[in-house]
Amino acid sequence: MANLNGFNANDVEPNTAFEPIPAGKYLAAITASETKQTRNGDGSYLELTLSILEGDFKGRVLWARLNLDNPNATAVKIARGDLSAICRAVNVMQPKDSTDLHNLPLVVNVKLKKRADNDELTNEIKGFEPKQSPETSNTTSQKPVSDGPAPWKR
């Protein structure tokens, strides 16, 4: 038996079903990181916790696992490529520690994937990109081509 010290459910909003977010690109930041052992103990991976920063899913959490120490060379190559993409997205090219990547905005490309064990949908991060600044997100058609008169005024 556990003492609940006067817990009152009327004072706390109940949790709702935890559904995956729709596929798409989201502004996020790495908020935590930890090295963990692989299940069979023959390597380790870097687990990154990312929080969505804006929009309908602000505050939702996603995870990325980078197999940086693994007997499978392909898994290591993929992980190193993802880490490179993260570093470039947050403009930290030579991090000394994973905390150097924390709290810097980047765009994550989220996909939906069916889990093999129960066929339920889950989120998976399939790419990392730099956050676009307002100046760089404009299309070139919105910028003047030259300083001269407009073509119809020539």
N, C-alpha and C. Protein backbone atom coordinates (compact mmCIF):
# COMPACT_ATOMS: atom_id res chain seq x y z
N MET A 1 0.85 -1.17 0.00
CA MET A 1 0.00 0.00 0.00
C MET A 1 0.90 1.24 0.00
N ALA A 2 0.43 2.28 -0.69
CA ALA A 2 1.19 3.53 -0.77
C ALA A 2 0.34 4.67 -0.27
N ASN A 3 0.90 5.52 0.56
CA ASN A 3 0.21 6.70 1.06
C ASN A 3 0.25 7.77 -0.03
N LEU A 4 -0.89 8.31 -0.42
CA LEU A 4 -0.96 9.32 -1.47
C LEU A 4 -1.05 10.73 -0.91
N ASN A 5 -0.85 10.90 0.37
CA ASN A 5 -0.75 12.21 1.02
C ASN A 5 -1.84 13.19 0.62
N GLY A 6 -3.07 12.77 0.63
CA GLY A 6 -4.19 13.66 0.36
C GLY A 6 -4.33 14.07 -1.09
N PHE A 7 -3.88 13.24 -2.03
CA PHE A 7 -4.01 13.56 -3.46
C PHE A 7 -5.48 13.78 -3.79
N ASN A 8 -5.76 14.84 -4.57
CA ASN A 8 -7.12 15.15 -4.98
C ASN A 8 -7.14 15.28 -6.49
N ALA A 9 -7.77 14.33 -7.16
CA ALA A 9 -7.83 14.32 -8.62
C ALA A 9 -8.55 15.54 -9.18
N ASN A 10 -9.37 16.20 -8.38
CA ASN A 10 -10.05 17.41 -8.84
C ASN A 10 -9.08 18.57 -9.06
N ASP A 11 -7.89 18.48 -8.47
CA ASP A 11 -6.90 19.55 -8.58
C ASP A 11 -5.91 19.36 -9.73
N VAL A 12 -6.00 18.24 -10.44
CA VAL A 12 -5.02 17.90 -11.47
C VAL A 12 -5.74 17.51 -12.75
N GLU A 13 -5.31 18.10 -13.89
CA GLU A 13 -5.88 17.71 -15.17
C GLU A 13 -5.46 16.27 -15.49
N PRO A 14 -6.40 15.44 -15.94
CA PRO A 14 -6.03 14.06 -16.27
C PRO A 14 -5.22 13.99 -17.55
N ASN A 15 -4.35 13.01 -17.63
CA ASN A 15 -3.60 12.75 -18.86
C ASN A 15 -4.55 12.24 -19.92
N THR A 16 -4.28 12.58 -21.16
CA THR A 16 -5.06 12.08 -22.27
C THR A 16 -4.21 11.09 -23.06
N ALA A 17 -4.81 10.43 -24.04
CA ALA A 17 -4.08 9.47 -24.85
C ALA A 17 -2.89 10.16 -25.51
N PHE A 18 -1.77 9.47 -25.54
CA PHE A 18 -0.54 10.02 -26.09
C PHE A 18 -0.41 9.54 -27.53
N GLU A 19 -0.95 10.32 -28.45
CA GLU A 19 -0.93 9.98 -29.87
C GLU A 19 0.30 10.59 -30.53
N PRO A 20 0.83 9.94 -31.56
CA PRO A 20 1.96 10.55 -32.28
C PRO A 20 1.52 11.83 -32.97
N ILE A 21 2.47 12.73 -33.16
CA ILE A 21 2.17 13.97 -33.88
C ILE A 21 2.18 13.68 -35.38
N PRO A 22 1.49 14.50 -36.17
CA PRO A 22 1.48 14.27 -37.61
C PRO A 22 2.87 14.45 -38.22
N ALA A 23 3.11 13.75 -39.31
CA ALA A 23 4.37 13.91 -40.04
C ALA A 23 4.50 15.35 -40.49
N GLY A 24 5.72 15.86 -40.48
CA GLY A 24 5.96 17.22 -40.90
C GLY A 24 7.26 17.75 -40.34
N LYS A 25 7.50 19.03 -40.57
CA LYS A 25 8.70 19.69 -40.07
C LYS A 25 8.30 20.58 -38.90
N TYR A 26 9.10 20.48 -37.82
CA TYR A 26 8.79 21.19 -36.59
C TYR A 26 10.04 21.89 -36.06
N LEU A 27 9.87 23.10 -35.53
CA LEU A 27 10.95 23.79 -34.86
C LEU A 27 11.09 23.17 -33.47
N ALA A 28 12.29 22.75 -33.14
CA ALA A 28 12.53 22.05 -31.88
C ALA A 28 13.89 22.44 -31.34
N ALA A 29 14.20 21.94 -30.14
CA ALA A 29 15.52 22.12 -29.54
C ALA A 29 15.84 20.88 -28.72
N ILE A 30 17.10 20.53 -28.69
CA ILE A 30 17.56 19.43 -27.84
C ILE A 30 17.56 19.96 -26.41
N THR A 31 16.85 19.27 -25.52
CA THR A 31 16.75 19.73 -24.14
C THR A 31 17.47 18.82 -23.16
N ALA A 32 17.83 17.62 -23.60
CA ALA A 32 18.56 16.69 -22.74
C ALA A 32 19.29 15.69 -23.63
N SER A 33 20.37 15.13 -23.08
CA SER A 33 21.12 14.10 -23.81
C SER A 33 21.76 13.17 -22.80
N GLU A 34 21.89 11.91 -23.21
CA GLU A 34 22.45 10.91 -22.30
C GLU A 34 23.01 9.75 -23.11
N THR A 35 24.17 9.27 -22.72
CA THR A 35 24.72 8.07 -23.33
C THR A 35 24.15 6.86 -22.60
N LYS A 36 23.64 5.89 -23.37
CA LYS A 36 23.04 4.69 -22.79
C LYS A 36 23.65 3.45 -23.44
N GLN A 37 23.68 2.37 -22.70
CA GLN A 37 24.15 1.09 -23.22
C GLN A 37 23.09 0.49 -24.14
N THR A 38 23.53 -0.20 -25.19
CA THR A 38 22.59 -0.92 -26.04
C THR A 38 22.00 -2.08 -25.24
N ARG A 39 20.87 -2.58 -25.69
CA ARG A 39 20.17 -3.64 -24.99
C ARG A 39 21.05 -4.87 -24.76
N ASN A 40 21.83 -5.25 -25.77
CA ASN A 40 22.67 -6.45 -25.62
C ASN A 40 24.05 -6.14 -25.06
N GLY A 41 24.32 -4.86 -24.74
CA GLY A 41 25.55 -4.48 -24.04
C GLY A 41 26.81 -4.41 -24.89
N ASP A 42 26.68 -4.50 -26.21
CA ASP A 42 27.88 -4.48 -27.05
C ASP A 42 28.19 -3.11 -27.64
N GLY A 43 27.54 -2.07 -27.13
CA GLY A 43 27.79 -0.73 -27.63
C GLY A 43 27.00 0.28 -26.81
N SER A 44 26.98 1.50 -27.30
CA SER A 44 26.21 2.55 -26.63
C SER A 44 25.64 3.49 -27.68
N TYR A 45 24.66 4.26 -27.25
CA TYR A 45 24.06 5.23 -28.15
C TYR A 45 23.83 6.53 -27.39
N LEU A 46 23.77 7.61 -28.13
CA LEU A 46 23.47 8.92 -27.57
C LEU A 46 21.98 9.15 -27.76
N GLU A 47 21.26 9.27 -26.65
CA GLU A 47 19.82 9.55 -26.72
C GLU A 47 19.61 11.04 -26.53
N LEU A 48 18.99 11.67 -27.51
CA LEU A 48 18.70 13.10 -27.47
C LEU A 48 17.21 13.29 -27.24
N THR A 49 16.85 14.15 -26.32
CA THR A 49 15.47 14.52 -26.08
C THR A 49 15.25 15.88 -26.72
N LEU A 50 14.26 15.97 -27.60
CA LEU A 50 13.96 17.21 -28.30
C LEU A 50 12.55 17.66 -27.94
N SER A 51 12.39 18.95 -27.70
CA SER A 51 11.09 19.53 -27.40
C SER A 51 10.67 20.43 -28.55
N ILE A 52 9.41 20.31 -28.96
CA ILE A 52 8.88 21.17 -30.01
C ILE A 52 8.64 22.55 -29.40
N LEU A 53 9.06 23.59 -30.12
CA LEU A 53 9.08 24.95 -29.58
C LEU A 53 7.87 25.80 -29.93
N GLU A 54 7.11 25.45 -30.95
CA GLU A 54 5.99 26.30 -31.35
C GLU A 54 4.91 25.50 -32.05
N GLY A 55 3.78 26.14 -32.25
CA GLY A 55 2.68 25.51 -32.98
C GLY A 55 1.77 24.67 -32.10
N ASP A 56 0.91 23.91 -32.75
CA ASP A 56 -0.08 23.09 -32.05
C ASP A 56 0.54 22.05 -31.14
N PHE A 57 1.76 21.65 -31.41
CA PHE A 57 2.39 20.58 -30.64
C PHE A 57 3.52 21.10 -29.75
N LYS A 58 3.49 22.41 -29.46
CA LYS A 58 4.48 23.02 -28.58
C LYS A 58 4.54 22.25 -27.26
N GLY A 59 5.76 21.92 -26.85
CA GLY A 59 5.96 21.21 -25.59
C GLY A 59 6.01 19.69 -25.73
N ARG A 60 5.58 19.17 -26.89
CA ARG A 60 5.68 17.72 -27.10
C ARG A 60 7.14 17.33 -27.22
N VAL A 61 7.42 16.11 -26.83
CA VAL A 61 8.80 15.63 -26.77
C VAL A 61 9.00 14.50 -27.78
N LEU A 62 10.16 14.53 -28.43
CA LEU A 62 10.58 13.48 -29.36
C LEU A 62 11.97 13.02 -28.95
N TRP A 63 12.36 11.84 -29.41
CA TRP A 63 13.69 11.33 -29.09
C TRP A 63 14.41 10.91 -30.35
N ALA A 64 15.71 11.10 -30.34
CA ALA A 64 16.59 10.60 -31.41
C ALA A 64 17.66 9.76 -30.73
N ARG A 65 17.95 8.62 -31.30
CA ARG A 65 18.98 7.74 -30.74
C ARG A 65 20.06 7.55 -31.80
N LEU A 66 21.28 7.95 -31.45
CA LEU A 66 22.41 7.89 -32.38
C LEU A 66 23.36 6.80 -31.92
N ASN A 67 23.47 5.73 -32.70
CA ASN A 67 24.34 4.59 -32.39
C ASN A 67 25.80 4.92 -32.72
N LEU A 68 26.42 5.72 -31.90
CA LEU A 68 27.78 6.17 -32.17
C LEU A 68 28.83 5.12 -31.84
N ASP A 69 28.50 4.15 -30.99
CA ASP A 69 29.42 3.07 -30.61
C ASP A 69 28.66 1.76 -30.78
N ASN A 70 28.89 1.12 -31.93
CA ASN A 70 28.10 -0.07 -32.26
C ASN A 70 28.95 -0.98 -33.15
N PRO A 71 28.83 -2.30 -32.98
CA PRO A 71 29.58 -3.19 -33.85
C PRO A 71 29.11 -3.14 -35.32
N ASN A 72 27.92 -2.62 -35.56
CA ASN A 72 27.39 -2.50 -36.91
C ASN A 72 27.90 -1.18 -37.51
N ALA A 73 28.81 -1.28 -38.45
CA ALA A 73 29.44 -0.10 -39.05
C ALA A 73 28.43 0.79 -39.76
N THR A 74 27.39 0.20 -40.34
CA THR A 74 26.36 0.99 -41.02
C THR A 74 25.59 1.84 -40.02
N ALA A 75 25.26 1.27 -38.86
CA ALA A 75 24.55 2.02 -37.82
C ALA A 75 25.40 3.20 -37.36
N VAL A 76 26.69 3.00 -37.20
CA VAL A 76 27.60 4.07 -36.77
C VAL A 76 27.67 5.15 -37.86
N LYS A 77 27.76 4.75 -39.11
CA LYS A 77 27.83 5.71 -40.21
C LYS A 77 26.57 6.58 -40.25
N ILE A 78 25.41 5.96 -40.10
CA ILE A 78 24.14 6.71 -40.08
C ILE A 78 24.11 7.67 -38.90
N ALA A 79 24.52 7.20 -37.72
CA ALA A 79 24.51 8.03 -36.52
C ALA A 79 25.45 9.22 -36.66
N ARG A 80 26.63 8.99 -37.20
CA ARG A 80 27.59 10.08 -37.39
C ARG A 80 27.06 11.10 -38.40
N GLY A 81 26.37 10.63 -39.43
CA GLY A 81 25.75 11.54 -40.40
C GLY A 81 24.65 12.37 -39.77
N ASP A 82 23.84 11.74 -38.90
CA ASP A 82 22.79 12.49 -38.19
C ASP A 82 23.41 13.51 -37.24
N LEU A 83 24.47 13.12 -36.54
CA LEU A 83 25.13 14.05 -35.63
C LEU A 83 25.72 15.23 -36.41
N SER A 84 26.28 14.97 -37.58
CA SER A 84 26.79 16.04 -38.43
C SER A 84 25.66 16.98 -38.84
N ALA A 85 24.51 16.42 -39.21
CA ALA A 85 23.36 17.24 -39.61
C ALA A 85 22.90 18.10 -38.43
N ILE A 86 22.87 17.54 -37.23
CA ILE A 86 22.47 18.30 -36.04
C ILE A 86 23.47 19.43 -35.80
N CYS A 87 24.75 19.12 -35.84
CA CYS A 87 25.79 20.13 -35.60
C CYS A 87 25.66 21.27 -36.60
N ARG A 88 25.45 20.95 -37.86
CA ARG A 88 25.31 21.98 -38.89
C ARG A 88 24.03 22.78 -38.68
N ALA A 89 22.96 22.10 -38.27
CA ALA A 89 21.67 22.79 -38.06
C ALA A 89 21.74 23.81 -36.94
N VAL A 90 22.53 23.53 -35.90
CA VAL A 90 22.63 24.46 -34.77
C VAL A 90 23.92 25.28 -34.81
N ASN A 91 24.72 25.07 -35.84
CA ASN A 91 25.97 25.80 -36.07
C ASN A 91 26.97 25.62 -34.92
N VAL A 92 27.11 24.37 -34.47
CA VAL A 92 28.14 23.99 -33.50
C VAL A 92 28.90 22.86 -34.16
N MET A 93 29.99 23.22 -34.85
CA MET A 93 30.67 22.26 -35.70
C MET A 93 31.59 21.29 -34.95
N GLN A 94 32.06 21.65 -33.78
CA GLN A 94 32.96 20.78 -33.03
C GLN A 94 32.55 20.74 -31.55
N PRO A 95 31.42 20.10 -31.26
CA PRO A 95 30.98 20.05 -29.86
C PRO A 95 31.95 19.21 -29.02
N LYS A 96 32.22 19.68 -27.84
CA LYS A 96 33.07 18.92 -26.91
C LYS A 96 32.22 17.96 -26.07
N ASP A 97 30.96 18.31 -25.91
CA ASP A 97 30.03 17.54 -25.10
C ASP A 97 28.65 17.67 -25.74
N SER A 98 27.79 16.70 -25.54
CA SER A 98 26.46 16.77 -26.13
C SER A 98 25.67 17.96 -25.60
N THR A 99 26.01 18.46 -24.41
CA THR A 99 25.30 19.63 -23.89
C THR A 99 25.57 20.89 -24.71
N ASP A 100 26.65 20.89 -25.50
CA ASP A 100 26.92 22.02 -26.39
C ASP A 100 25.82 22.19 -27.44
N LEU A 101 25.01 21.14 -27.64
CA LEU A 101 23.95 21.16 -28.65
C LEU A 101 22.58 21.50 -28.04
N HIS A 102 22.52 21.66 -26.74
CA HIS A 102 21.25 21.90 -26.05
C HIS A 102 20.72 23.31 -26.28
N ASN A 103 19.38 23.40 -26.29
CA ASN A 103 18.64 24.66 -26.30
C ASN A 103 18.93 25.56 -27.49
N LEU A 104 19.32 24.97 -28.61
CA LEU A 104 19.54 25.71 -29.84
C LEU A 104 18.47 25.27 -30.85
N PRO A 105 17.74 26.20 -31.45
CA PRO A 105 16.64 25.81 -32.34
C PRO A 105 17.15 25.15 -33.62
N LEU A 106 16.41 24.14 -34.05
CA LEU A 106 16.65 23.47 -35.32
C LEU A 106 15.31 22.91 -35.80
N VAL A 107 15.26 22.55 -37.05
CA VAL A 107 14.04 21.97 -37.63
C VAL A 107 14.22 20.46 -37.72
N VAL A 108 13.23 19.73 -37.21
CA VAL A 108 13.26 18.27 -37.31
C VAL A 108 12.19 17.83 -38.29
N ASN A 109 12.55 16.86 -39.11
CA ASN A 109 11.62 16.27 -40.07
C ASN A 109 11.08 14.99 -39.44
N VAL A 110 9.81 15.02 -39.05
CA VAL A 110 9.20 13.91 -38.32
C VAL A 110 8.35 13.07 -39.27
N LYS A 111 8.53 11.77 -39.19
CA LYS A 111 7.76 10.81 -39.98
C LYS A 111 6.95 9.92 -39.04
N LEU A 112 5.95 9.27 -39.58
CA LEU A 112 5.20 8.26 -38.84
C LEU A 112 5.70 6.89 -39.28
N LYS A 113 5.88 6.00 -38.31
CA LYS A 113 6.38 4.66 -38.59
C LYS A 113 5.54 3.67 -37.81
N LYS A 114 5.23 2.55 -38.44
CA LYS A 114 4.48 1.50 -37.77
C LYS A 114 5.44 0.64 -36.96
N ARG A 115 5.14 0.46 -35.68
CA ARG A 115 5.98 -0.36 -34.81
C ARG A 115 5.82 -1.83 -35.19
N ALA A 116 6.92 -2.56 -35.17
CA ALA A 116 6.91 -3.97 -35.55
C ALA A 116 6.23 -4.83 -34.49
N ASP A 117 6.31 -4.42 -33.21
CA ASP A 117 5.79 -5.27 -32.14
C ASP A 117 4.28 -5.19 -31.96
N ASN A 118 3.65 -4.05 -32.32
CA ASN A 118 2.21 -3.94 -32.09
C ASN A 118 1.45 -3.22 -33.21
N ASP A 119 2.12 -2.88 -34.29
CA ASP A 119 1.53 -2.21 -35.45
C ASP A 119 0.98 -0.81 -35.17
N GLU A 120 1.26 -0.25 -33.99
CA GLU A 120 0.83 1.12 -33.71
C GLU A 120 1.78 2.11 -34.37
N LEU A 121 1.27 3.30 -34.69
CA LEU A 121 2.10 4.33 -35.28
C LEU A 121 2.91 5.03 -34.20
N THR A 122 4.14 5.38 -34.55
CA THR A 122 5.03 6.10 -33.65
C THR A 122 5.79 7.14 -34.48
N ASN A 123 6.34 8.14 -33.81
CA ASN A 123 7.12 9.16 -34.50
C ASN A 123 8.57 8.76 -34.60
N GLU A 124 9.18 9.17 -35.69
CA GLU A 124 10.61 8.94 -35.92
C GLU A 124 11.17 10.19 -36.59
N ILE A 125 12.29 10.68 -36.09
CA ILE A 125 12.93 11.83 -36.70
C ILE A 125 13.79 11.34 -37.86
N LYS A 126 13.54 11.89 -39.05
CA LYS A 126 14.24 11.45 -40.25
C LYS A 126 15.11 12.54 -40.87
N GLY A 127 15.34 13.62 -40.13
CA GLY A 127 16.22 14.65 -40.67
C GLY A 127 16.29 15.85 -39.76
N PHE A 128 17.38 16.59 -39.89
CA PHE A 128 17.64 17.78 -39.08
C PHE A 128 18.09 18.89 -40.02
N GLU A 129 17.52 20.08 -39.85
CA GLU A 129 17.85 21.22 -40.70
C GLU A 129 18.01 22.47 -39.86
N PRO A 130 18.72 23.47 -40.38
CA PRO A 130 18.82 24.74 -39.65
C PRO A 130 17.46 25.44 -39.60
N LYS A 131 17.27 26.21 -38.55
CA LYS A 131 16.10 27.08 -38.46
C LYS A 131 16.27 28.16 -39.51
N GLN A 132 15.24 28.44 -40.25
CA GLN A 132 15.31 29.49 -41.27
C GLN A 132 15.00 30.83 -40.64
N SER A 133 15.84 31.81 -40.86
CA SER A 133 15.57 33.15 -40.37
C SER A 133 14.57 33.81 -41.31
N PRO A 134 13.87 34.85 -40.86
CA PRO A 134 12.90 35.50 -41.74
C PRO A 134 13.51 36.00 -43.04
N GLU A 135 14.79 36.46 -42.98
CA GLU A 135 15.41 36.96 -44.20
C GLU A 135 15.68 35.85 -45.21
N THR A 136 16.04 34.66 -44.73
CA THR A 136 16.39 33.59 -45.66
C THR A 136 15.19 32.76 -46.06
N SER A 137 14.06 32.91 -45.36
CA SER A 137 12.92 32.09 -45.72
C SER A 137 12.09 32.72 -46.84
N ASN A 138 12.38 33.98 -47.19
CA ASN A 138 11.67 34.60 -48.32
C ASN A 138 12.11 33.94 -49.62
N THR A 139 11.19 33.85 -50.54
CA THR A 139 11.56 33.30 -51.84
C THR A 139 12.23 34.39 -52.66
N THR A 140 13.02 34.00 -53.61
CA THR A 140 13.73 34.98 -54.42
C THR A 140 12.77 35.83 -55.24
N SER A 141 11.57 35.33 -55.50
CA SER A 141 10.63 36.13 -56.28
C SER A 141 10.14 37.34 -55.50
N GLN A 142 10.33 37.35 -54.17
CA GLN A 142 9.91 38.48 -53.36
C GLN A 142 11.01 39.53 -53.26
N LYS A 143 12.21 39.23 -53.74
CA LYS A 143 13.33 40.16 -53.65
C LYS A 143 13.51 40.84 -55.00
N PRO A 144 13.90 42.11 -55.00
CA PRO A 144 14.12 42.77 -56.28
C PRO A 144 15.31 42.15 -57.01
N VAL A 145 15.18 42.03 -58.31
CA VAL A 145 16.23 41.44 -59.12
C VAL A 145 17.35 42.44 -59.36
N SER A 146 17.01 43.72 -59.53
CA SER A 146 18.03 44.74 -59.75
C SER A 146 17.57 46.03 -59.10
N ASP A 147 18.50 47.00 -59.06
CA ASP A 147 18.16 48.29 -58.49
C ASP A 147 17.55 49.23 -59.54
N GLY A 148 17.57 48.82 -60.79
CA GLY A 148 17.05 49.66 -61.86
C GLY A 148 15.53 49.68 -61.91
N PRO A 149 14.97 50.36 -62.91
CA PRO A 149 13.51 50.43 -63.02
C PRO A 149 12.94 49.04 -63.31
N ALA A 150 11.70 48.86 -62.91
CA ALA A 150 11.02 47.59 -63.18
C ALA A 150 10.94 47.39 -64.69
N PRO A 151 10.97 46.12 -65.16
CA PRO A 151 10.98 45.86 -66.60
C PRO A 151 9.83 46.51 -67.34
N TRP A 152 8.65 46.62 -66.75
CA TRP A 152 7.51 47.21 -67.44
C TRP A 152 7.59 48.73 -67.51
N LYS A 153 8.55 49.34 -66.77
CA LYS A 153 8.73 50.79 -66.81
C LYS A 153 9.88 51.21 -67.69
N ARG A 154 10.56 50.24 -68.32
CA ARG A 154 11.73 50.58 -69.15
C ARG A 154 11.31 51.03 -70.51
